[in-house]
Amino acid sequence: MASRGNRVLVPEAKEALNKFKMEAAQEVGTPLKEGYNGNLTSKQNGSVGGQMTKKIVEDYEKKISGK
């Protein structure tokens, strides 16, 4: 199966997703900037994605627990 890349399924959400990514990068201390970030390590990039996932899971857990 061919890779589809990192395309946004809801184009209207693209700006919010970019803001969320930049906030997550700041929280974990990764020097992410707009545009190309090929100078960052896999560990740095992975920490941003991990932080985003962590925040999404925490938010979902709060919603389902009724808090």
Protein backbone atom coordinates (compact mmCIF):
# COMPACT_ATOMS: atom_id res chain seq x y z
CA MET A 1 0.00 0.00 0.00
CA ALA A 2 1.32 3.43 -0.91
CA SER A 3 1.88 5.99 1.81
CA ARG A 4 -0.52 8.91 1.83
CA GLY A 5 1.81 11.24 3.69
CA ASN A 6 0.78 13.81 6.25
CA ARG A 7 -2.28 15.24 4.63
CA VAL A 8 -4.99 16.94 6.63
CA LEU A 9 -8.36 15.27 6.14
CA VAL A 10 -10.26 18.42 7.16
CA PRO A 11 -8.52 21.38 5.50
CA GLU A 12 -10.26 23.84 7.84
CA ALA A 13 -8.40 22.22 10.77
CA LYS A 14 -4.91 22.72 9.34
CA GLU A 15 -4.19 25.99 11.15
CA ALA A 16 -5.39 24.61 14.50
CA LEU A 17 -3.28 21.46 14.05
CA ASN A 18 -0.18 23.54 13.30
CA LYS A 19 -0.80 25.65 16.41
CA PHE A 20 -1.26 22.48 18.49
CA LYS A 21 2.00 21.07 17.10
CA MET A 22 3.93 24.24 17.90
CA GLU A 23 2.54 24.29 21.46
CA ALA A 24 3.53 20.65 21.98
CA ALA A 25 7.03 21.37 20.64
CA GLN A 26 7.43 24.26 23.05
CA GLU A 27 6.27 22.10 25.99
CA VAL A 28 8.94 19.46 25.31
CA GLY A 29 11.65 21.97 24.42
CA THR A 30 11.99 21.12 20.74
CA PRO A 31 13.05 24.11 18.60
CA LEU A 32 10.38 23.57 15.94
CA LYS A 33 9.83 26.37 13.44
CA GLU A 34 7.41 26.92 10.59
CA GLY A 35 8.50 25.22 7.39
CA TYR A 36 11.36 22.77 6.98
CA ASN A 37 12.76 21.17 10.14
CA GLY A 38 15.16 18.63 8.64
CA ASN A 39 17.85 19.64 11.11
CA LEU A 40 15.93 18.06 14.02
CA THR A 41 16.59 14.52 15.15
CA SER A 42 14.06 11.70 15.05
CA LYS A 43 14.00 11.81 18.84
CA GLN A 44 13.10 15.50 18.85
CA ASN A 45 10.38 15.07 16.25
CA GLY A 46 9.06 11.98 17.99
CA SER A 47 8.81 13.82 21.28
CA VAL A 48 6.53 16.39 19.64
CA GLY A 49 4.24 13.70 18.25
CA GLY A 50 4.29 11.88 21.57
CA GLN A 51 3.34 15.04 23.45
CA MET A 52 0.48 15.67 21.03
CA THR A 53 -0.79 12.12 21.52
CA LYS A 54 -0.48 12.42 25.29
CA LYS A 55 -2.54 15.61 25.32
CA ILE A 56 -5.21 14.12 23.04
CA VAL A 57 -5.54 11.03 25.26
CA GLU A 58 -5.69 13.14 28.44
CA ASP A 59 -8.43 15.31 26.92
CA TYR A 60 -10.43 12.26 25.84
CA GLU A 61 -10.08 10.63 29.27
CA LYS A 62 -11.40 13.82 30.91
CA LYS A 63 -14.38 13.87 28.54
CA ILE A 64 -15.38 10.26 29.10
CA SER A 65 -14.97 10.52 32.88
CA GLY A 66 -17.37 13.46 32.91
CA LYS A 67 -14.92 15.99 34.32
